[in-house]
Amino acid sequence: MNFVPVYLGLGGNIGDTQLTIIKAIQKINKFPNIRNFQISRFYQTSPVGDENQASFINCVCRFDTNLDPFVLLTKMQDIERGLGKVPKPRTAPRIIDIDILFYGDSEMQTPDLEIPHPRWKERLFVLIPLQDLTISIKTSAGECVLHNLIQNVTLKDSTQKVELIS
């Protein structure tokens, strides 16, 4: 299998989130099927959905891999469990969350995995760290310029706050 570019979103809001994300990144970067690993800066972000909880820490990482997307998903879920994640509702507080945002230019929709991530265009906590790593994303609908998407989300939803922390 050829190597394809992958983008992951990482975040959490329970415990020492930045340390937990760093541990997850270290585990991901140790996989033998990973090349050209990059990481965005870390951002403190407001919760989306259930706003009565602590702020999140978020970042995005990018790498090339030849792992099948479902194998990659399983490995990310193993890392999450190893760092203490337990199943909870989608907008609940969490110790760590690792989402596959993009897997090359692949598109898939299964009960376990949707690529691209279905809400990536709506989330500043994805778009702003993603912009640290690339200026645009190619999808089946065409090229999406991140700066334009960020402006659109900011105009539509003033409740989403994102602040650089590192």
Foldseek 3Di string as FASTA:
>chain_A
DDWAKWKKKKKFDPDPQVVLVVVLLVVVVPDPFWADKDKFFKKWKQQPDPRPGHTMIMIMMMTIGPDDPVVVVVVSVVSQVVSPFDDDPPRDGTSMDMATQATHQDADDDPRHGPNPPCQLQAPSNLVNVCRPPQWDQYPVGIGGSVVSNVVNCVVDVVMDIGGDD
